[in-house]
Amino acid sequence: MKILVTGATGFIGQNLVKFLIDKNYEVHCIVRSKSNISKINNKVKIFKYDENIDSLIIYLKKEKFNGVIHLASLFLTTHKENDISNLISSNIKFGTELLEACINSNVQWFINTGTFWQNYKNEKYNPINLYAATKEAFQDIAKYYTETSNLTFTTIKLNDTFGPSDTRNKIFNIWNKIAKSGESLSMSAGEQIIDISYIEDVINAYYILIKHLNSDERFEFKNKVFAVKSEERMTLKELSKVFENATNTKLNINWDRRPYRNRECMFPWEDSKIVPNWKPKYTLKQAIIKTFEED
């Protein structure tokens, strides 16, 4: 089995690549020419993309990949005028070039990564921000390629994720920092419902979907959208208590001291099906303990 992964330098990508290597898959990764690849598993074969689509097509034809897992994206909570070009280039243009190369090299399947933020207020399509709008636009473009070829294109939508060695400025890392330092943190009223998934469970969802796509039922997944979601959704304020209990710490949080963001997601996307045969392995408390037990 030979798989091409984009976004391998990110938190999810690093974990997914390591998992696939451990499962004896042959893994190749596309990176930008200036990307820092020091954290990518050294057993991975690297292709540095110079934005020349001809070289991308030649590469995919040569390697004959079974499938592609597309994690790469530019994430911005809010954008400025100067961000528009980069958002479109990263989240639409690159993915479309990759689809074109897949069609030209007879790749069998393509796993896209979407976001719950495409479904503000649980609507079928209502992007929270321009980032989410570009993610939806790419899915729409993919429909053309699946209608004109045998490529099976499937999307996994993710919300918040966490796990060991996560260097992102995410909520658990922020809380872990103030728990150690004793400093206070001003936050919103904390009434928003949080859906957050442990990285090992997220990676397992991709693995199960890969197995589906390499079976005789592959075409049943054409243009389908699945979610990785927690079985323990709760308010942000309730989540802080779970974190305190799991880490045996006390958080000095000043609630209701900051306004909610513009278009704050008060409840996560619910109208979703999970990846068939997948379910979280860990409770939220267990996952938090595993994340910070060696910290």
Protein backbone atom coordinates (compact mmCIF):
# COMPACT_ATOMS: atom_id res chain seq x y z
CA MET A 1 0.00 0.00 0.00
CA LYS A 2 1.44 3.36 -1.08
CA ILE A 3 -0.10 6.55 0.28
CA LEU A 4 0.61 10.23 -0.37
CA VAL A 5 0.02 12.62 2.55
CA THR A 6 -0.18 16.42 2.51
CA GLY A 7 0.13 18.50 5.66
CA ALA A 8 2.63 16.11 7.20
CA THR A 9 4.41 18.89 9.09
CA GLY A 10 1.29 19.65 11.16
CA PHE A 11 0.22 18.03 14.41
CA ILE A 12 -2.29 15.63 12.88
CA GLY A 13 -0.06 14.93 9.89
CA GLN A 14 2.95 14.01 12.00
CA ASN A 15 0.90 11.57 14.05
CA LEU A 16 -0.82 10.05 11.01
CA VAL A 17 2.44 9.54 9.13
CA LYS A 18 4.08 7.84 12.11
CA PHE A 19 1.05 5.56 12.50
CA LEU A 20 1.05 4.56 8.83
CA ILE A 21 4.78 3.88 8.86
CA ASP A 22 4.32 1.66 11.93
CA LYS A 23 1.62 -0.22 9.97
CA ASN A 24 4.17 -0.83 7.19
CA TYR A 25 2.56 1.47 4.63
CA GLU A 26 4.86 3.18 2.14
CA VAL A 27 4.30 6.86 2.84
CA HIS A 28 5.26 9.84 0.70
CA CYS A 29 4.66 13.46 1.69
CA ILE A 30 4.27 16.63 -0.32
CA VAL A 31 5.78 19.71 1.32
CA ARG A 32 6.54 23.23 0.24
CA SER A 33 10.13 23.89 -0.75
CA LYS A 34 10.78 25.97 2.40
CA SER A 35 8.96 23.67 4.85
CA ASN A 36 10.66 22.47 8.02
CA ILE A 37 10.63 18.69 7.65
CA SER A 38 12.63 17.90 10.79
CA LYS A 39 9.59 16.45 12.59
CA ILE A 40 8.51 14.17 9.75
CA ASN A 41 9.37 10.50 10.23
CA ASN A 42 12.71 9.75 8.56
CA LYS A 43 11.25 6.71 6.78
CA VAL A 44 9.00 8.97 4.72
CA LYS A 45 9.83 9.91 1.14
CA ILE A 46 9.56 13.66 0.58
CA PHE A 47 8.41 15.47 -2.55
CA LYS A 48 9.04 19.22 -2.50
CA TYR A 49 6.36 20.91 -4.57
CA ASP A 50 7.48 23.94 -6.56
CA GLU A 51 3.90 24.75 -7.69
CA ASN A 52 4.64 23.36 -11.13
CA ILE A 53 1.66 21.09 -11.77
CA ASP A 54 3.50 19.24 -14.55
CA SER A 55 6.12 18.03 -12.06
CA LEU A 56 3.34 16.99 -9.67
CA ILE A 57 1.62 14.93 -12.37
CA ILE A 58 4.90 13.29 -13.38
CA TYR A 59 5.60 12.42 -9.74
CA LEU A 60 2.20 10.82 -9.15
CA LYS A 61 2.37 8.89 -12.43
CA LYS A 62 5.78 7.57 -11.48
CA GLU A 63 4.87 6.51 -7.93
CA LYS A 64 1.40 5.04 -8.65
CA PHE A 65 -0.21 5.82 -5.30
CA ASN A 66 -3.21 3.87 -4.05
CA GLY A 67 -4.58 6.91 -2.27
CA VAL A 68 -4.07 10.45 -1.03
CA ILE A 69 -4.77 11.87 2.42
CA HIS A 70 -5.13 15.64 2.20
CA LEU A 71 -4.49 17.42 5.51
CA ALA A 72 -2.70 20.54 4.30
CA SER A 73 -4.50 23.84 4.73
CA LEU A 74 -4.02 27.42 5.82
CA PHE A 75 -6.05 28.00 8.98
CA LEU A 76 -6.98 31.54 9.95
CA THR A 77 -9.66 32.36 12.52
CA THR A 78 -10.07 35.79 10.98
CA HIS A 79 -8.58 37.14 7.79
CA LYS A 80 -7.31 40.42 6.47
CA GLU A 81 -7.43 41.58 2.88
CA ASN A 82 -3.84 40.46 2.28
CA ASP A 83 -4.68 36.91 3.44
CA ILE A 84 -7.18 36.18 0.67
CA SER A 85 -4.65 35.12 -1.95
CA ASN A 86 -2.86 32.73 0.43
CA LEU A 87 -6.14 31.19 1.63
CA ILE A 88 -7.28 30.50 -1.92
CA SER A 89 -3.87 29.23 -2.99
CA SER A 90 -3.45 26.90 -0.01
CA ASN A 91 -7.03 25.66 0.46
CA ILE A 92 -8.38 25.63 -3.10
CA LYS A 93 -5.66 25.92 -5.74
CA PHE A 94 -3.24 23.36 -4.32
CA GLY A 95 -5.97 20.81 -3.64
CA THR A 96 -7.36 21.22 -7.13
CA GLU A 97 -3.92 20.72 -8.67
CA LEU A 98 -3.56 17.59 -6.55
CA LEU A 99 -6.92 16.27 -7.78
CA GLU A 100 -5.88 16.93 -11.37
CA ALA A 101 -2.69 14.95 -10.79
CA CYS A 102 -4.69 12.13 -9.16
CA ILE A 103 -6.95 11.82 -12.19
CA ASN A 104 -3.96 11.78 -14.53
CA SER A 105 -2.28 9.00 -12.55
CA ASN A 106 -5.28 6.78 -11.73
CA VAL A 107 -5.21 7.26 -7.96
CA GLN A 108 -8.08 5.20 -6.52
CA TRP A 109 -9.16 7.28 -3.54
CA PHE A 110 -8.72 10.67 -1.90
CA ILE A 111 -9.45 11.47 1.76
CA ASN A 112 -10.08 15.17 2.24
CA THR A 113 -10.07 16.89 5.63
CA GLY A 114 -12.85 19.36 6.34
CA THR A 115 -13.97 21.30 9.40
CA PHE A 116 -17.10 21.60 11.55
CA TRP A 117 -16.77 25.33 10.89
CA GLN A 118 -18.32 24.76 7.47
CA ASN A 119 -21.62 24.21 9.30
CA TYR A 120 -22.22 27.23 11.53
CA LYS A 121 -25.47 26.92 13.54
CA ASN A 122 -25.64 23.31 12.35
CA GLU A 123 -26.73 24.47 8.90
CA LYS A 124 -25.98 22.39 5.80
CA TYR A 125 -23.65 25.12 4.60
CA ASN A 126 -22.89 28.27 6.53
CA PRO A 127 -19.15 28.93 6.91
CA ILE A 128 -18.05 30.58 10.13
CA ASN A 129 -15.20 32.38 8.37
CA LEU A 130 -13.38 32.64 5.05
CA TYR A 131 -11.17 29.68 5.95
CA ALA A 132 -14.26 27.47 6.27
CA ALA A 133 -15.64 28.89 3.02
CA THR A 134 -12.51 27.86 1.14
CA LYS A 135 -12.75 24.34 2.59
CA GLU A 136 -16.32 24.05 1.29
CA ALA A 137 -15.34 25.47 -2.09
CA PHE A 138 -12.72 22.76 -2.48
CA GLN A 139 -15.30 20.04 -1.76
CA ASP A 140 -17.53 21.52 -4.47
CA ILE A 141 -14.68 21.50 -6.96
CA ALA A 142 -13.93 17.86 -6.12
CA LYS A 143 -17.45 16.92 -7.23
CA TYR A 144 -16.44 17.70 -10.82
CA TYR A 145 -13.50 15.29 -10.62
CA THR A 146 -15.52 12.47 -9.09
CA GLU A 147 -18.27 12.85 -11.71
CA THR A 148 -15.75 12.58 -14.54
CA SER A 149 -13.54 9.78 -13.22
CA ASN A 150 -13.42 6.70 -10.99
CA LEU A 151 -11.78 8.59 -8.13
CA THR A 152 -13.48 8.05 -4.77
CA PHE A 153 -13.39 11.34 -2.87
CA THR A 154 -14.38 11.25 0.80
CA THR A 155 -14.23 13.93 3.50
CA ILE A 156 -13.56 13.63 7.21
CA LYS A 157 -14.58 16.73 9.12
CA LEU A 158 -12.73 17.51 12.33
CA ASN A 159 -13.33 19.94 15.16
CA ASP A 160 -10.87 20.49 18.00
CA THR A 161 -8.08 17.95 18.55
CA PHE A 162 -5.43 17.43 21.21
CA GLY A 163 -2.72 15.03 22.33
CA PRO A 164 0.89 14.62 23.47
CA SER A 165 3.58 16.83 21.90
CA ASP A 166 1.00 19.27 20.59
CA THR A 167 2.75 22.63 20.31
CA ARG A 168 -0.29 24.54 19.03
CA ASN A 169 -1.78 27.34 21.09
CA LYS A 170 -4.83 25.23 21.94
CA ILE A 171 -7.04 25.39 25.03
CA PHE A 172 -5.55 22.44 26.93
CA ASN A 173 -2.02 23.74 26.42
CA ILE A 174 -3.10 27.17 27.62
CA TRP A 175 -4.75 25.66 30.69
CA ASN A 176 -1.73 23.45 31.38
CA LYS A 177 0.49 26.52 31.31
CA ILE A 178 -1.60 28.53 33.80
CA ALA A 179 -2.04 25.48 36.02
CA LYS A 180 1.75 25.34 36.39
CA SER A 181 2.36 29.06 36.71
CA GLY A 182 -0.65 29.94 38.84
CA GLU A 183 -1.43 32.93 36.66
CA SER A 184 -5.02 33.91 35.96
CA LEU A 185 -6.76 33.76 32.60
CA SER A 186 -9.68 35.85 31.44
CA MET A 187 -12.13 33.93 29.28
CA SER A 188 -15.64 34.23 27.88
CA ALA A 189 -18.69 33.09 29.85
CA GLY A 190 -17.80 29.54 28.80
CA GLU A 191 -21.26 28.53 27.63
CA GLN A 192 -20.18 27.27 24.20
CA ILE A 193 -20.43 23.49 23.69
CA ILE A 194 -17.04 21.94 23.00
CA ASP A 195 -16.39 18.90 20.82
CA ILE A 196 -12.75 17.85 21.19
CA SER A 197 -11.11 14.58 20.13
CA TYR A 198 -7.93 12.82 21.20
CA ILE A 199 -5.32 12.45 18.47
CA GLU A 200 -5.08 8.66 18.73
CA ASP A 201 -8.84 8.40 18.14
CA VAL A 202 -8.61 10.82 15.21
CA ILE A 203 -5.83 8.83 13.57
CA ASN A 204 -7.78 5.62 14.05
CA ALA A 205 -10.73 7.15 12.15
CA TYR A 206 -8.46 7.83 9.16
CA TYR A 207 -7.07 4.29 9.38
CA ILE A 208 -10.53 2.70 9.40
CA LEU A 209 -11.58 4.84 6.44
CA ILE A 210 -8.43 3.80 4.54
CA LYS A 211 -9.42 0.15 5.04
CA HIS A 212 -12.93 0.86 3.73
CA LEU A 213 -11.50 2.58 0.67
CA ASN A 214 -9.19 -0.34 -0.06
CA SER A 215 -12.09 -2.81 -0.03
CA ASP A 216 -14.72 -3.80 -2.57
CA GLU A 217 -17.09 -1.24 -1.02
CA ARG A 218 -14.89 1.71 -2.06
CA PHE A 219 -17.41 3.31 -4.40
CA GLU A 220 -20.03 3.46 -1.63
CA PHE A 221 -17.90 6.21 -0.06
CA LYS A 222 -17.90 8.46 -3.13
CA ASN A 223 -18.58 12.10 -2.13
CA LYS A 224 -19.54 11.05 1.41
CA VAL A 225 -18.81 13.27 4.41
CA PHE A 226 -18.05 11.82 7.83
CA ALA A 227 -17.19 13.35 11.18
CA VAL A 228 -14.87 12.57 14.02
CA LYS A 229 -16.77 13.70 17.08
CA SER A 230 -16.62 13.29 20.81
CA GLU A 231 -19.15 11.28 22.82
CA GLU A 232 -18.67 13.76 25.67
CA ARG A 233 -19.74 17.18 24.46
CA MET A 234 -19.95 19.78 27.22
CA THR A 235 -19.63 23.51 27.84
CA LEU A 236 -16.20 25.09 27.99
CA LYS A 237 -16.72 25.76 31.69
CA GLU A 238 -17.60 22.11 32.31
CA LEU A 239 -14.57 21.04 30.28
CA SER A 240 -12.31 23.04 32.59
CA LYS A 241 -13.54 20.94 35.53
CA VAL A 242 -12.76 17.71 33.66
CA PHE A 243 -9.29 19.07 32.94
CA GLU A 244 -8.73 19.98 36.60
CA ASN A 245 -9.86 16.52 37.70
CA ALA A 246 -7.72 14.69 35.15
CA THR A 247 -4.56 16.70 35.86
CA ASN A 248 -5.15 17.20 39.59
CA THR A 249 -4.70 20.96 39.21
CA LYS A 250 -6.64 24.15 39.81
CA LEU A 251 -7.28 26.65 37.04
CA ASN A 252 -7.48 30.32 37.92
CA ILE A 253 -9.98 31.34 35.25
CA ASN A 254 -11.89 34.61 35.33
CA TRP A 255 -15.07 33.69 33.49
CA ASP A 256 -17.17 36.22 31.57
CA ARG A 257 -14.30 38.69 31.32
CA ARG A 258 -13.95 38.48 27.55
CA PRO A 259 -16.64 38.80 24.86
CA TYR A 260 -17.42 35.93 22.55
CA ARG A 261 -15.76 36.13 19.16
CA ASN A 262 -17.69 37.32 16.16
CA ARG A 263 -19.70 34.30 14.93
CA GLU A 264 -18.64 32.24 17.94
CA CYS A 265 -19.56 28.58 17.46
CA MET A 266 -21.87 27.99 20.44
CA PHE A 267 -22.69 24.40 19.51
CA PRO A 268 -20.76 22.10 17.14
CA TRP A 269 -22.05 20.49 13.97
CA GLU A 270 -24.47 17.69 14.83
CA ASP A 271 -25.97 16.59 11.51
CA SER A 272 -23.12 14.23 10.80
CA LYS A 273 -22.34 10.53 10.46
CA ILE A 274 -19.21 9.10 11.99
CA VAL A 275 -16.79 6.95 10.02
CA PRO A 276 -18.39 3.48 9.81
CA ASN A 277 -17.08 1.09 12.50
CA TRP A 278 -15.26 3.86 14.37
CA LYS A 279 -15.75 5.05 17.92
CA PRO A 280 -13.47 6.80 20.44
CA LYS A 281 -11.22 4.44 22.36
CA TYR A 282 -10.63 6.79 25.29
CA THR A 283 -12.83 8.83 27.57
CA LEU A 284 -12.03 12.52 27.69
CA LYS A 285 -10.49 12.19 31.16
CA GLN A 286 -8.34 9.24 30.06
CA ALA A 287 -7.13 11.15 27.01
CA ILE A 288 -6.21 14.24 29.03
CA ILE A 289 -4.26 12.07 31.48
CA LYS A 290 -2.41 10.37 28.60
CA THR A 291 -1.61 13.79 27.11
CA PHE A 292 -0.11 15.35 30.21
CA GLU A 293 1.07 12.37 32.28
CA GLU A 294 4.69 12.86 31.22
CA ASP A 295 4.55 16.63 31.27
